[in-house]
Structure formats: structure tokens, C-alpha cells
Amino acid sequence: MYDKIALGMFLRTAREKQNLTLEQLAEYCNLSSRCIGNIERGEADPKLSTIVEICVVNNIDITDLSNILFSDKTVYL
């Protein structure tokens, strides 16, 4: 099991580095801003395809994502 809070913090940091609002990211990913907010707060358990889509929009390297999902160490951008 991965750390949902660490993943959410990681995704929020990436979104902010791209200067995207929740609403903009949600639109690009075809999700609601509420859904994105829940993911970023660690309150949701998104499908892998949703996580990948968010990562594509935020230009997140798959290696950084795998460090969050499949290991105990936390990666901050």
C-alpha cells in the first residue's frame, strides 16, 4: 500500500510548480476540482490511470512517481 498523504503532497507540489490551479488541472484531466483536492489531501484512493494522467499534465517523471508509490522513501520536487 502506498502513502496517500505523501502522494497527495507530491502531486500538489508538482501542480504548484506548473502554476496550475486545482480547476485548471481538473479540466486538463477531465476530473472535478473536488476530486483533485481529495487526492492532494490524501483523502481519495485514485485509480493508477488517474494518477498517471495527473502526472502527465504536471510533467512528473515516472521514476519520481514510482518512488512514491512503491517505496518507503518520500520524494519532494
C-alpha atoms as a PDB file:
ATOM      1  CA  MET A   1       0.000   0.000   0.000  1.00  0.00           C
ATOM      2  CA  TYR A   2       1.267   3.469  -0.803  1.00  0.00           C
ATOM      3  CA  ASP A   3       1.163   6.539   1.417  1.00  0.00           C
ATOM      4  CA  LYS A   4      -1.810   8.563   0.125  1.00  0.00           C
ATOM      5  CA  ILE A   5      -0.784  11.674   2.053  1.00  0.00           C
ATOM      6  CA  ALA A   6       2.761  11.615   0.657  1.00  0.00           C
ATOM      7  CA  LEU A   7       1.378  11.087  -2.846  1.00  0.00           C
ATOM      8  CA  GLY A   8      -1.036  13.978  -2.413  1.00  0.00           C
ATOM      9  CA  MET A   9       1.690  16.315  -1.184  1.00  0.00           C
ATOM     10  CA  PHE A  10       3.885  15.253  -4.088  1.00  0.00           C
ATOM     11  CA  LEU A  11       1.134  15.906  -6.637  1.00  0.00           C
ATOM     12  CA  ARG A  12       0.196  19.260  -5.083  1.00  0.00           C
ATOM     13  CA  THR A  13       3.818  20.415  -5.155  1.00  0.00           C
ATOM     14  CA  ALA A  14       4.091  19.403  -8.809  1.00  0.00           C
ATOM     15  CA  ARG A  15       0.861  21.222  -9.687  1.00  0.00           C
ATOM     16  CA  GLU A  16       2.012  24.367  -7.943  1.00  0.00           C
ATOM     17  CA  LYS A  17       5.369  24.237  -9.746  1.00  0.00           C
ATOM     18  CA  GLN A  18       3.428  24.177 -13.030  1.00  0.00           C
ATOM     19  CA  ASN A  19       1.450  27.240 -11.811  1.00  0.00           C
ATOM     20  CA  LEU A  20      -1.826  25.383 -12.245  1.00  0.00           C
ATOM     21  CA  THR A  21      -4.928  25.870 -10.142  1.00  0.00           C
ATOM     22  CA  LEU A  22      -6.999  22.916  -8.963  1.00  0.00           C
ATOM     23  CA  GLU A  23      -9.614  23.914 -11.512  1.00  0.00           C
ATOM     24  CA  GLN A  24      -7.128  24.008 -14.395  1.00  0.00           C
ATOM     25  CA  LEU A  25      -5.640  20.624 -13.528  1.00  0.00           C
ATOM     26  CA  ALA A  26      -9.102  19.155 -13.114  1.00  0.00           C
ATOM     27  CA  GLU A  27     -10.117  20.436 -16.553  1.00  0.00           C
ATOM     28  CA  TYR A  28      -6.978  19.046 -18.217  1.00  0.00           C
ATOM     29  CA  CYS A  29      -7.535  15.653 -16.547  1.00  0.00           C
ATOM     30  CA  ASN A  30     -11.313  15.620 -17.098  1.00  0.00           C
ATOM     31  CA  LEU A  31     -11.916  15.369 -13.346  1.00  0.00           C
ATOM     32  CA  SER A  32     -13.654  17.601 -10.833  1.00  0.00           C
ATOM     33  CA  SER A  33     -11.627  20.052  -8.763  1.00  0.00           C
ATOM     34  CA  ARG A  34     -13.106  18.342  -5.708  1.00  0.00           C
ATOM     35  CA  CYS A  35     -11.619  15.040  -6.865  1.00  0.00           C
ATOM     36  CA  ILE A  36      -8.184  16.618  -7.363  1.00  0.00           C
ATOM     37  CA  GLY A  37      -8.430  18.269  -3.938  1.00  0.00           C
ATOM     38  CA  ASN A  38      -9.327  14.958  -2.294  1.00  0.00           C
ATOM     39  CA  ILE A  39      -6.341  13.281  -3.956  1.00  0.00           C
ATOM     40  CA  GLU A  40      -3.972  16.080  -2.905  1.00  0.00           C
ATOM     41  CA  ARG A  41      -5.190  15.868   0.709  1.00  0.00           C
ATOM     42  CA  GLY A  42      -4.748  12.087   0.747  1.00  0.00           C
ATOM     43  CA  GLU A  43      -8.473  11.544   1.220  1.00  0.00           C
ATOM     44  CA  ALA A  44      -9.028   9.605  -2.009  1.00  0.00           C
ATOM     45  CA  ASP A  45      -7.704   6.337  -3.350  1.00  0.00           C
ATOM     46  CA  PRO A  46      -7.453   7.129  -7.075  1.00  0.00           C
ATOM     47  CA  LYS A  47      -7.010   4.591  -9.830  1.00  0.00           C
ATOM     48  CA  LEU A  48      -3.499   4.296 -11.211  1.00  0.00           C
ATOM     49  CA  SER A  49      -4.716   5.679 -14.541  1.00  0.00           C
ATOM     50  CA  THR A  50      -5.906   8.831 -12.754  1.00  0.00           C
ATOM     51  CA  ILE A  51      -2.547   9.241 -11.014  1.00  0.00           C
ATOM     52  CA  VAL A  52      -0.729   8.764 -14.322  1.00  0.00           C
ATOM     53  CA  GLU A  53      -2.940  11.348 -16.053  1.00  0.00           C
ATOM     54  CA  ILE A  54      -2.218  13.891 -13.315  1.00  0.00           C
ATOM     55  CA  CYS A  55       1.488  13.129 -13.657  1.00  0.00           C
ATOM     56  CA  VAL A  56       1.412  13.587 -17.439  1.00  0.00           C
ATOM     57  CA  VAL A  57      -0.228  17.004 -17.123  1.00  0.00           C
ATOM     58  CA  ASN A  58       2.266  18.010 -14.402  1.00  0.00           C
ATOM     59  CA  ASN A  59       5.315  16.688 -16.315  1.00  0.00           C
ATOM     60  CA  ILE A  60       6.203  14.309 -13.478  1.00  0.00           C
ATOM     61  CA  ASP A  61       8.869  11.739 -14.270  1.00  0.00           C
ATOM     62  CA  ILE A  62       7.694   8.145 -13.863  1.00  0.00           C
ATOM     63  CA  THR A  63      10.729   7.403 -11.676  1.00  0.00           C
ATOM     64  CA  ASP A  64       9.656  10.023  -9.155  1.00  0.00           C
ATOM     65  CA  LEU A  65       6.121   8.653  -9.176  1.00  0.00           C
ATOM     66  CA  SER A  66       7.328   5.087  -8.638  1.00  0.00           C
ATOM     67  CA  ASN A  67       9.413   6.246  -5.662  1.00  0.00           C
ATOM     68  CA  ILE A  68       6.222   7.485  -4.026  1.00  0.00           C
ATOM     69  CA  LEU A  69       4.031   4.520  -4.930  1.00  0.00           C
ATOM     70  CA  PHE A  70       6.406   1.618  -4.425  1.00  0.00           C
ATOM     71  CA  SER A  71       8.903   2.540  -1.747  1.00  0.00           C
ATOM     72  CA  ASP A  72       9.102   3.865   1.768  1.00  0.00           C
ATOM     73  CA  LYS A  73      11.087   6.967   0.879  1.00  0.00           C
ATOM     74  CA  THR A  74       9.399  10.258   0.128  1.00  0.00           C
ATOM     75  CA  VAL A  75      10.419  12.342  -2.866  1.00  0.00           C
ATOM     76  CA  TYR A  76       9.769  16.066  -2.926  1.00  0.00           C
ATOM     77  CA  LEU A  77      10.160  18.104  -6.083  1.00  0.00           C
END
